[in-house]
Amino acid sequence: MSRIGKRIIEIPSSVQANVEGSKLLFKNSKEKHELETHNRVKITLENNQLSFQPVGEDAQSRAYWGTYGALANNIVIGLSTGFTKTLEVNGVGYKVALGNKTLDLSLGFSHPVKYPIPAGIEMVVEKNTITIKGSDKQKVGQVAAEIRSFRPPEPYKGKGVKYSNEVIIRKAGKTAKK
């Protein structure tokens, strides 16, 4: 029994939802998202409440049941409040600037790193903090992971790009022989 699949998703008044066969269409005043579901999951939309039911009793149907419940919930949350990830850039000479549709990073390489900002993503840069906002949870996380991958934090001094809530386990440096 899927606890996530059993959950009924309340759709706020700012989000409109429609069911067309095996497709779920969500939209708010600015954006719209579409979720194509598998035929092993039955979708029910009544009184701004969205629920899913597995079609069969096999393990595959139950797996899809929970997965599509979570995906639909993420879309509803994204369209109503949005998702945010915050990155911190630590290190001497490491800088971040917001260019025209690009994020310009100076991370100690011989060249500046220019990251093109994808559609549907909004970025705010304050000092050495990057805030990534968007309605698609997967895309926000993917963009944050790609930016972090340019210079992941190293364990000796903690230099690099890290998530704001990430704890870096520090290592002791070499000790001199006596």
N, C-alpha and C. Protein backbone atom coordinates (compact mmCIF):
# COMPACT_ATOMS: atom_id res chain seq x y z
N MET A 1 0.84 -1.18 0.00
CA MET A 1 0.00 0.00 0.00
C MET A 1 0.88 1.24 0.00
N SER A 2 0.73 2.07 -0.97
CA SER A 2 1.56 3.27 -1.09
C SER A 2 0.97 4.39 -0.24
N ARG A 3 1.77 4.87 0.72
CA ARG A 3 1.30 5.98 1.55
C ARG A 3 1.27 7.26 0.74
N ILE A 4 2.21 7.41 -0.19
CA ILE A 4 2.24 8.61 -1.03
C ILE A 4 1.09 8.56 -2.03
N GLY A 5 0.83 7.40 -2.59
CA GLY A 5 -0.24 7.27 -3.56
C GLY A 5 -1.62 7.45 -2.95
N LYS A 6 -1.79 7.05 -1.69
CA LYS A 6 -3.08 7.18 -1.02
C LYS A 6 -3.44 8.63 -0.74
N ARG A 7 -2.42 9.48 -0.63
CA ARG A 7 -2.64 10.87 -0.25
C ARG A 7 -3.47 11.59 -1.31
N ILE A 8 -4.44 12.35 -0.84
CA ILE A 8 -5.27 13.16 -1.74
C ILE A 8 -4.60 14.52 -1.88
N ILE A 9 -4.44 14.98 -3.11
CA ILE A 9 -3.75 16.24 -3.38
C ILE A 9 -4.79 17.35 -3.47
N GLU A 10 -4.68 18.32 -2.57
CA GLU A 10 -5.55 19.49 -2.59
C GLU A 10 -5.00 20.48 -3.61
N ILE A 11 -5.82 20.90 -4.53
CA ILE A 11 -5.38 21.85 -5.55
C ILE A 11 -5.84 23.25 -5.13
N PRO A 12 -4.89 24.17 -4.91
CA PRO A 12 -5.27 25.52 -4.48
C PRO A 12 -6.02 26.28 -5.57
N SER A 13 -6.65 27.38 -5.18
CA SER A 13 -7.46 28.14 -6.14
C SER A 13 -6.61 28.81 -7.22
N SER A 14 -5.32 29.02 -6.94
CA SER A 14 -4.44 29.66 -7.93
C SER A 14 -4.02 28.71 -9.05
N VAL A 15 -4.28 27.41 -8.88
CA VAL A 15 -3.87 26.41 -9.86
C VAL A 15 -5.12 25.75 -10.44
N GLN A 16 -5.17 25.61 -11.76
CA GLN A 16 -6.26 24.91 -12.42
C GLN A 16 -5.75 23.56 -12.90
N ALA A 17 -6.58 22.53 -12.73
CA ALA A 17 -6.19 21.18 -13.16
C ALA A 17 -7.28 20.59 -14.04
N ASN A 18 -6.87 19.86 -15.07
CA ASN A 18 -7.78 19.15 -15.96
C ASN A 18 -7.23 17.77 -16.23
N VAL A 19 -8.15 16.80 -16.39
CA VAL A 19 -7.76 15.44 -16.75
C VAL A 19 -8.29 15.17 -18.15
N GLU A 20 -7.38 14.80 -19.05
CA GLU A 20 -7.75 14.44 -20.42
C GLU A 20 -7.19 13.06 -20.71
N GLY A 21 -7.98 12.04 -20.46
CA GLY A 21 -7.52 10.67 -20.66
C GLY A 21 -6.45 10.31 -19.66
N SER A 22 -5.24 10.06 -20.14
CA SER A 22 -4.13 9.73 -19.24
C SER A 22 -3.21 10.93 -19.01
N LYS A 23 -3.66 12.13 -19.43
CA LYS A 23 -2.86 13.34 -19.25
C LYS A 23 -3.46 14.21 -18.16
N LEU A 24 -2.58 14.78 -17.37
CA LEU A 24 -2.98 15.76 -16.37
C LEU A 24 -2.43 17.11 -16.81
N LEU A 25 -3.27 18.12 -16.88
CA LEU A 25 -2.85 19.45 -17.29
C LEU A 25 -3.02 20.40 -16.11
N PHE A 26 -1.94 21.07 -15.72
CA PHE A 26 -1.97 22.03 -14.63
C PHE A 26 -1.56 23.38 -15.19
N LYS A 27 -2.20 24.45 -14.71
CA LYS A 27 -1.76 25.78 -15.12
C LYS A 27 -2.13 26.80 -14.05
N ASN A 28 -1.29 27.84 -13.98
CA ASN A 28 -1.61 29.00 -13.17
C ASN A 28 -1.60 30.21 -14.09
N SER A 29 -1.52 31.41 -13.54
CA SER A 29 -1.60 32.60 -14.38
C SER A 29 -0.41 32.75 -15.32
N LYS A 30 0.75 32.17 -14.98
CA LYS A 30 1.96 32.37 -15.78
C LYS A 30 2.40 31.14 -16.57
N GLU A 31 2.27 29.95 -15.99
CA GLU A 31 2.86 28.75 -16.60
C GLU A 31 1.84 27.62 -16.68
N LYS A 32 2.21 26.61 -17.46
CA LYS A 32 1.42 25.38 -17.45
C LYS A 32 2.35 24.18 -17.54
N HIS A 33 1.94 23.11 -16.88
CA HIS A 33 2.70 21.87 -16.87
C HIS A 33 1.78 20.72 -17.27
N GLU A 34 2.37 19.72 -17.87
CA GLU A 34 1.62 18.56 -18.33
C GLU A 34 2.27 17.31 -17.76
N LEU A 35 1.46 16.38 -17.28
CA LEU A 35 1.97 15.12 -16.75
C LEU A 35 1.27 13.97 -17.46
N GLU A 36 2.04 13.20 -18.20
CA GLU A 36 1.53 12.03 -18.92
C GLU A 36 1.65 10.84 -17.97
N THR A 37 0.53 10.19 -17.65
CA THR A 37 0.56 9.07 -16.71
C THR A 37 0.49 7.74 -17.44
N HIS A 38 0.87 6.70 -16.72
CA HIS A 38 0.85 5.34 -17.26
C HIS A 38 -0.57 4.81 -17.21
N ASN A 39 -0.87 3.83 -18.06
CA ASN A 39 -2.22 3.28 -18.08
C ASN A 39 -2.53 2.39 -16.88
N ARG A 40 -1.56 2.13 -16.02
CA ARG A 40 -1.80 1.33 -14.82
C ARG A 40 -2.26 2.18 -13.64
N VAL A 41 -2.47 3.48 -13.89
CA VAL A 41 -2.91 4.39 -12.83
C VAL A 41 -4.18 5.09 -13.28
N LYS A 42 -5.20 5.10 -12.41
CA LYS A 42 -6.46 5.78 -12.70
C LYS A 42 -6.46 7.12 -11.97
N ILE A 43 -6.83 8.18 -12.68
CA ILE A 43 -6.81 9.54 -12.12
C ILE A 43 -8.24 9.98 -11.84
N THR A 44 -8.46 10.58 -10.66
CA THR A 44 -9.77 11.11 -10.30
C THR A 44 -9.61 12.55 -9.84
N LEU A 45 -10.38 13.46 -10.43
CA LEU A 45 -10.36 14.87 -10.04
C LEU A 45 -11.78 15.30 -9.71
N GLU A 46 -12.03 15.57 -8.42
CA GLU A 46 -13.35 16.02 -7.96
C GLU A 46 -13.18 17.09 -6.91
N ASN A 47 -13.90 18.20 -7.06
CA ASN A 47 -13.90 19.29 -6.07
C ASN A 47 -12.50 19.77 -5.72
N ASN A 48 -11.68 20.00 -6.73
CA ASN A 48 -10.29 20.44 -6.53
C ASN A 48 -9.48 19.49 -5.66
N GLN A 49 -9.81 18.21 -5.72
CA GLN A 49 -9.03 17.18 -5.03
C GLN A 49 -8.64 16.13 -6.06
N LEU A 50 -7.35 15.86 -6.11
CA LEU A 50 -6.80 14.93 -7.09
C LEU A 50 -6.38 13.66 -6.37
N SER A 51 -6.81 12.51 -6.90
CA SER A 51 -6.41 11.24 -6.29
C SER A 51 -6.05 10.25 -7.39
N PHE A 52 -5.23 9.29 -7.02
CA PHE A 52 -4.78 8.25 -7.94
C PHE A 52 -5.14 6.89 -7.37
N GLN A 53 -5.41 5.93 -8.26
CA GLN A 53 -5.68 4.55 -7.86
C GLN A 53 -4.93 3.61 -8.80
N PRO A 54 -4.33 2.54 -8.26
CA PRO A 54 -3.69 1.58 -9.15
C PRO A 54 -4.75 0.76 -9.89
N VAL A 55 -4.47 0.42 -11.15
CA VAL A 55 -5.43 -0.35 -11.94
C VAL A 55 -5.35 -1.83 -11.57
N GLY A 56 -4.16 -2.36 -11.39
CA GLY A 56 -4.00 -3.76 -11.03
C GLY A 56 -3.50 -3.89 -9.60
N GLU A 57 -3.30 -5.12 -9.18
CA GLU A 57 -2.78 -5.37 -7.83
C GLU A 57 -1.31 -5.78 -7.85
N ASP A 58 -0.66 -5.68 -9.01
CA ASP A 58 0.74 -6.08 -9.09
C ASP A 58 1.65 -4.97 -8.56
N ALA A 59 2.90 -5.32 -8.33
CA ALA A 59 3.87 -4.38 -7.76
C ALA A 59 4.12 -3.20 -8.69
N GLN A 60 4.10 -3.43 -9.99
CA GLN A 60 4.34 -2.36 -10.96
C GLN A 60 3.27 -1.27 -10.85
N SER A 61 2.01 -1.67 -10.71
CA SER A 61 0.93 -0.69 -10.59
C SER A 61 1.07 0.13 -9.32
N ARG A 62 1.42 -0.52 -8.22
CA ARG A 62 1.59 0.19 -6.95
C ARG A 62 2.77 1.16 -7.02
N ALA A 63 3.83 0.78 -7.74
CA ALA A 63 4.98 1.66 -7.89
C ALA A 63 4.60 2.92 -8.68
N TYR A 64 3.87 2.74 -9.78
CA TYR A 64 3.42 3.88 -10.57
C TYR A 64 2.47 4.76 -9.77
N TRP A 65 1.65 4.14 -8.94
CA TRP A 65 0.68 4.85 -8.12
C TRP A 65 1.37 5.90 -7.24
N GLY A 66 2.38 5.48 -6.52
CA GLY A 66 3.11 6.40 -5.65
C GLY A 66 3.92 7.42 -6.44
N THR A 67 4.53 6.98 -7.53
CA THR A 67 5.36 7.88 -8.34
C THR A 67 4.53 9.02 -8.92
N TYR A 68 3.40 8.70 -9.55
CA TYR A 68 2.60 9.75 -10.16
C TYR A 68 1.92 10.63 -9.12
N GLY A 69 1.64 10.09 -7.95
CA GLY A 69 1.12 10.92 -6.85
C GLY A 69 2.14 11.96 -6.44
N ALA A 70 3.40 11.55 -6.31
CA ALA A 70 4.46 12.49 -5.92
C ALA A 70 4.73 13.51 -7.02
N LEU A 71 4.76 13.08 -8.28
CA LEU A 71 5.01 14.00 -9.39
C LEU A 71 3.91 15.06 -9.50
N ALA A 72 2.65 14.64 -9.36
CA ALA A 72 1.54 15.59 -9.43
C ALA A 72 1.60 16.57 -8.26
N ASN A 73 1.93 16.07 -7.08
CA ASN A 73 2.05 16.94 -5.90
C ASN A 73 3.15 17.98 -6.11
N ASN A 74 4.28 17.56 -6.69
CA ASN A 74 5.38 18.50 -6.96
C ASN A 74 4.97 19.58 -7.96
N ILE A 75 4.18 19.22 -8.95
CA ILE A 75 3.73 20.21 -9.93
C ILE A 75 2.80 21.22 -9.26
N VAL A 76 1.88 20.74 -8.42
CA VAL A 76 0.94 21.64 -7.73
C VAL A 76 1.69 22.59 -6.80
N ILE A 77 2.65 22.07 -6.04
CA ILE A 77 3.44 22.92 -5.14
C ILE A 77 4.26 23.92 -5.96
N GLY A 78 4.85 23.46 -7.06
CA GLY A 78 5.66 24.34 -7.89
C GLY A 78 4.86 25.48 -8.50
N LEU A 79 3.64 25.20 -8.94
CA LEU A 79 2.83 26.26 -9.54
C LEU A 79 2.24 27.19 -8.50
N SER A 80 2.02 26.71 -7.28
CA SER A 80 1.43 27.58 -6.26
C SER A 80 2.49 28.37 -5.50
N THR A 81 3.57 27.73 -5.04
CA THR A 81 4.59 28.45 -4.26
C THR A 81 5.96 28.48 -4.93
N GLY A 82 6.30 27.46 -5.69
CA GLY A 82 7.60 27.40 -6.35
C GLY A 82 8.64 26.70 -5.51
N PHE A 83 9.77 26.39 -6.13
CA PHE A 83 10.87 25.72 -5.45
C PHE A 83 12.10 26.61 -5.48
N THR A 84 12.93 26.50 -4.44
CA THR A 84 14.12 27.33 -4.32
C THR A 84 15.29 26.49 -3.86
N LYS A 85 16.44 26.71 -4.45
CA LYS A 85 17.71 26.13 -3.99
C LYS A 85 18.69 27.27 -3.86
N THR A 86 19.51 27.22 -2.81
CA THR A 86 20.50 28.26 -2.57
C THR A 86 21.88 27.65 -2.57
N LEU A 87 22.79 28.26 -3.33
CA LEU A 87 24.18 27.82 -3.41
C LEU A 87 25.07 28.92 -2.84
N GLU A 88 26.16 28.51 -2.20
CA GLU A 88 27.15 29.45 -1.69
C GLU A 88 28.48 29.18 -2.39
N VAL A 89 29.17 30.25 -2.76
CA VAL A 89 30.48 30.15 -3.40
C VAL A 89 31.51 30.62 -2.38
N ASN A 90 32.40 29.71 -1.95
CA ASN A 90 33.42 30.02 -0.96
C ASN A 90 34.80 29.86 -1.58
N GLY A 91 35.69 30.78 -1.31
CA GLY A 91 37.06 30.68 -1.79
C GLY A 91 37.61 32.05 -2.15
N VAL A 92 38.92 32.19 -2.01
CA VAL A 92 39.58 33.45 -2.32
C VAL A 92 39.54 33.68 -3.83
N GLY A 93 38.99 34.81 -4.24
CA GLY A 93 38.93 35.15 -5.66
C GLY A 93 37.77 34.52 -6.40
N TYR A 94 36.95 33.72 -5.73
CA TYR A 94 35.79 33.12 -6.39
C TYR A 94 34.67 34.15 -6.42
N LYS A 95 34.14 34.43 -7.61
CA LYS A 95 33.11 35.45 -7.76
C LYS A 95 31.96 34.92 -8.60
N VAL A 96 30.80 35.52 -8.41
CA VAL A 96 29.61 35.18 -9.17
C VAL A 96 28.97 36.48 -9.65
N ALA A 97 28.55 36.51 -10.90
CA ALA A 97 27.84 37.67 -11.45
C ALA A 97 26.75 37.18 -12.39
N LEU A 98 25.68 37.94 -12.46
CA LEU A 98 24.58 37.60 -13.33
C LEU A 98 24.70 38.42 -14.60
N GLY A 99 24.93 37.75 -15.73
CA GLY A 99 25.04 38.42 -17.02
C GLY A 99 23.71 38.43 -17.74
N ASN A 100 23.74 38.66 -19.03
CA ASN A 100 22.53 38.65 -19.84
C ASN A 100 22.20 37.21 -20.21
N LYS A 101 21.25 36.62 -19.51
CA LYS A 101 20.82 35.23 -19.69
C LYS A 101 21.92 34.22 -19.41
N THR A 102 22.98 34.63 -18.70
CA THR A 102 24.03 33.71 -18.29
C THR A 102 24.43 34.00 -16.86
N LEU A 103 24.98 33.00 -16.22
CA LEU A 103 25.56 33.15 -14.89
C LEU A 103 27.06 33.06 -15.09
N ASP A 104 27.78 34.12 -14.73
CA ASP A 104 29.23 34.17 -14.91
C ASP A 104 29.90 33.82 -13.60
N LEU A 105 30.70 32.75 -13.62
CA LEU A 105 31.37 32.27 -12.42
C LEU A 105 32.88 32.36 -12.61
N SER A 106 33.55 32.89 -11.62
CA SER A 106 35.01 32.90 -11.60
C SER A 106 35.43 31.98 -10.47
N LEU A 107 35.88 30.77 -10.82
CA LEU A 107 36.10 29.72 -9.83
C LEU A 107 37.54 29.23 -9.78
N GLY A 108 38.48 30.09 -10.12
CA GLY A 108 39.88 29.71 -10.03
C GLY A 108 40.42 29.00 -11.26
N PHE A 109 39.63 28.89 -12.31
CA PHE A 109 40.11 28.32 -13.55
C PHE A 109 40.82 29.41 -14.34
N SER A 110 41.49 29.03 -15.42
CA SER A 110 42.15 30.01 -16.27
C SER A 110 41.15 30.78 -17.12
N HIS A 111 39.89 30.36 -17.11
CA HIS A 111 38.86 31.00 -17.90
C HIS A 111 37.60 31.16 -17.04
N PRO A 112 36.77 32.15 -17.32
CA PRO A 112 35.51 32.26 -16.59
C PRO A 112 34.53 31.20 -17.09
N VAL A 113 33.69 30.72 -16.18
CA VAL A 113 32.67 29.74 -16.54
C VAL A 113 31.37 30.50 -16.79
N LYS A 114 30.79 30.31 -17.97
CA LYS A 114 29.52 30.95 -18.30
C LYS A 114 28.46 29.86 -18.39
N TYR A 115 27.45 29.96 -17.51
CA TYR A 115 26.37 28.98 -17.48
C TYR A 115 25.10 29.62 -18.02
N PRO A 116 24.56 29.11 -19.15
CA PRO A 116 23.32 29.69 -19.69
C PRO A 116 22.13 29.34 -18.79
N ILE A 117 21.34 30.34 -18.46
CA ILE A 117 20.18 30.12 -17.58
C ILE A 117 19.05 29.53 -18.42
N PRO A 118 18.56 28.32 -18.06
CA PRO A 118 17.49 27.69 -18.84
C PRO A 118 16.16 28.43 -18.69
N ALA A 119 15.26 28.18 -19.63
CA ALA A 119 13.92 28.78 -19.57
C ALA A 119 13.17 28.23 -18.35
N GLY A 120 12.41 29.07 -17.70
CA GLY A 120 11.64 28.65 -16.54
C GLY A 120 12.40 28.73 -15.24
N ILE A 121 13.65 29.18 -15.29
CA ILE A 121 14.49 29.30 -14.09
C ILE A 121 14.83 30.77 -13.88
N GLU A 122 14.72 31.20 -12.63
CA GLU A 122 15.07 32.57 -12.27
C GLU A 122 16.21 32.51 -11.27
N MET A 123 17.22 33.35 -11.45
CA MET A 123 18.36 33.37 -10.54
C MET A 123 18.55 34.75 -9.95
N VAL A 124 18.93 34.76 -8.67
CA VAL A 124 19.24 35.99 -7.96
C VAL A 124 20.62 35.81 -7.35
N VAL A 125 21.52 36.78 -7.55
CA VAL A 125 22.87 36.70 -7.00
C VAL A 125 23.06 37.84 -6.01
N GLU A 126 23.44 37.49 -4.78
CA GLU A 126 23.77 38.47 -3.75
C GLU A 126 25.11 38.08 -3.16
N LYS A 127 26.11 38.93 -3.32
CA LYS A 127 27.48 38.66 -2.89
C LYS A 127 27.92 37.34 -3.48
N ASN A 128 28.18 36.32 -2.67
CA ASN A 128 28.59 35.01 -3.18
C ASN A 128 27.51 33.96 -2.94
N THR A 129 26.26 34.36 -3.03
CA THR A 129 25.13 33.45 -2.84
C THR A 129 24.28 33.47 -4.10
N ILE A 130 23.96 32.28 -4.60
CA ILE A 130 23.12 32.13 -5.79
C ILE A 130 21.81 31.51 -5.34
N THR A 131 20.69 32.16 -5.64
CA THR A 131 19.37 31.62 -5.34
C THR A 131 18.71 31.24 -6.65
N ILE A 132 18.32 29.97 -6.76
CA ILE A 132 17.71 29.44 -7.98
C ILE A 132 16.25 29.18 -7.68
N LYS A 133 15.35 29.77 -8.49
CA LYS A 133 13.91 29.63 -8.27
C LYS A 133 13.25 29.11 -9.54
N GLY A 134 12.18 28.33 -9.35
CA GLY A 134 11.44 27.83 -10.49
C GLY A 134 10.25 27.02 -10.04
N SER A 135 9.39 26.65 -10.98
CA SER A 135 8.20 25.87 -10.65
C SER A 135 8.41 24.38 -10.87
N ASP A 136 9.46 23.99 -11.56
CA ASP A 136 9.74 22.59 -11.84
C ASP A 136 10.83 22.10 -10.89
N LYS A 137 10.46 21.23 -9.96
CA LYS A 137 11.39 20.77 -8.93
C LYS A 137 12.60 20.08 -9.54
N GLN A 138 12.39 19.26 -10.55
CA GLN A 138 13.48 18.53 -11.18
C GLN A 138 14.46 19.50 -11.85
N LYS A 139 13.94 20.50 -12.54
CA LYS A 139 14.80 21.44 -13.26
C LYS A 139 15.60 22.31 -12.29
N VAL A 140 14.97 22.76 -11.20
CA VAL A 140 15.67 23.57 -10.20
C VAL A 140 16.82 22.78 -9.58
N GLY A 141 16.56 21.52 -9.23
CA GLY A 141 17.60 20.67 -8.66
C GLY A 141 18.70 20.36 -9.65
N GLN A 142 18.33 20.15 -10.91
CA GLN A 142 19.32 19.85 -11.95
C GLN A 142 20.24 21.04 -12.19
N VAL A 143 19.68 22.24 -12.26
CA VAL A 143 20.49 23.45 -12.48
C VAL A 143 21.44 23.66 -11.30
N ALA A 144 20.93 23.48 -10.08
CA ALA A 144 21.78 23.64 -8.89
C ALA A 144 22.91 22.62 -8.89
N ALA A 145 22.62 21.37 -9.27
CA ALA A 145 23.65 20.33 -9.31
C ALA A 145 24.69 20.62 -10.39
N GLU A 146 24.25 21.13 -11.54
CA GLU A 146 25.21 21.46 -12.61
C GLU A 146 26.14 22.59 -12.20
N ILE A 147 25.60 23.62 -11.55
CA ILE A 147 26.44 24.74 -11.11
C ILE A 147 27.41 24.26 -10.04
N ARG A 148 26.95 23.42 -9.12
CA ARG A 148 27.82 22.89 -8.06
C ARG A 148 28.93 22.03 -8.65
N SER A 149 28.64 21.33 -9.75
CA SER A 149 29.62 20.41 -10.33
C SER A 149 30.82 21.13 -10.95
N PHE A 150 30.70 22.43 -11.23
CA PHE A 150 31.85 23.17 -11.78
C PHE A 150 33.02 23.18 -10.80
N ARG A 151 32.74 23.33 -9.51
CA ARG A 151 33.79 23.33 -8.49
C ARG A 151 33.16 22.85 -7.18
N PRO A 152 33.04 21.51 -6.99
CA PRO A 152 32.46 21.01 -5.74
C PRO A 152 33.35 21.38 -4.56
N PRO A 153 32.80 21.49 -3.36
CA PRO A 153 33.61 21.88 -2.21
C PRO A 153 34.67 20.83 -1.89
N GLU A 154 35.87 21.31 -1.56
CA GLU A 154 36.94 20.37 -1.22
C GLU A 154 37.05 20.29 0.30
N PRO A 155 37.50 19.15 0.84
CA PRO A 155 37.40 18.91 2.28
C PRO A 155 38.47 19.59 3.13
N TYR A 156 39.49 20.19 2.55
CA TYR A 156 40.57 20.76 3.36
C TYR A 156 40.30 22.20 3.77
N LYS A 157 39.93 23.04 2.82
CA LYS A 157 39.63 24.43 3.15
C LYS A 157 38.15 24.78 2.96
N GLY A 158 37.40 23.89 2.32
CA GLY A 158 35.98 24.14 2.08
C GLY A 158 35.72 25.06 0.90
N LYS A 159 36.73 25.24 0.02
CA LYS A 159 36.55 26.09 -1.15
C LYS A 159 35.68 25.38 -2.18
N GLY A 160 34.88 26.16 -2.87
CA GLY A 160 34.05 25.60 -3.93
C GLY A 160 32.62 26.07 -3.83
N VAL A 161 31.75 25.45 -4.62
CA VAL A 161 30.33 25.77 -4.63
C VAL A 161 29.60 24.70 -3.85
N LYS A 162 28.82 25.12 -2.85
CA LYS A 162 28.08 24.16 -2.02
C LYS A 162 26.65 24.64 -1.83
N TYR A 163 25.77 23.69 -1.49
CA TYR A 163 24.41 24.04 -1.13
C TYR A 163 24.46 24.77 0.21
N SER A 164 23.51 25.67 0.46
CA SER A 164 23.56 26.46 1.69
C SER A 164 23.37 25.59 2.93
N ASN A 165 22.64 24.50 2.82
CA ASN A 165 22.41 23.63 3.97
C ASN A 165 23.36 22.44 4.00
N GLU A 166 24.33 22.39 3.10
CA GLU A 166 25.26 21.27 3.02
C GLU A 166 26.36 21.43 4.07
N VAL A 167 26.66 20.34 4.75
CA VAL A 167 27.73 20.34 5.74
C VAL A 167 28.92 19.62 5.12
N ILE A 168 30.06 20.31 5.07
CA ILE A 168 31.26 19.73 4.49
C ILE A 168 32.10 19.14 5.61
N ILE A 169 32.37 17.87 5.52
CA ILE A 169 33.20 17.21 6.52
C ILE A 169 34.65 17.58 6.21
N ARG A 170 35.27 18.28 7.14
CA ARG A 170 36.62 18.79 6.93
C ARG A 170 37.64 17.75 7.32
N LYS A 171 38.77 17.74 6.60
CA LYS A 171 39.88 16.85 6.90
C LYS A 171 41.03 17.67 7.45
N ALA A 172 41.84 17.04 8.27
CA ALA A 172 43.05 17.71 8.77
C ALA A 172 44.11 17.63 7.68
N GLY A 173 44.94 18.66 7.61
CA GLY A 173 46.02 18.67 6.62
C GLY A 173 47.15 17.76 7.06
N LYS A 174 48.22 17.75 6.28
CA LYS A 174 49.38 16.93 6.62
C LYS A 174 50.05 17.49 7.87
N THR A 175 50.59 16.60 8.67
CA THR A 175 51.35 17.05 9.85
C THR A 175 52.83 16.83 9.57
N ALA A 176 53.64 17.75 10.05
CA ALA A 176 55.09 17.66 9.81
C ALA A 176 55.70 16.58 10.68
N LYS A 177 56.76 15.93 10.17
CA LYS A 177 57.47 14.91 10.95
C LYS A 177 58.34 15.59 11.99
N LYS A 178 58.52 14.92 13.11
CA LYS A 178 59.35 15.49 14.18
C LYS A 178 60.73 14.90 14.17
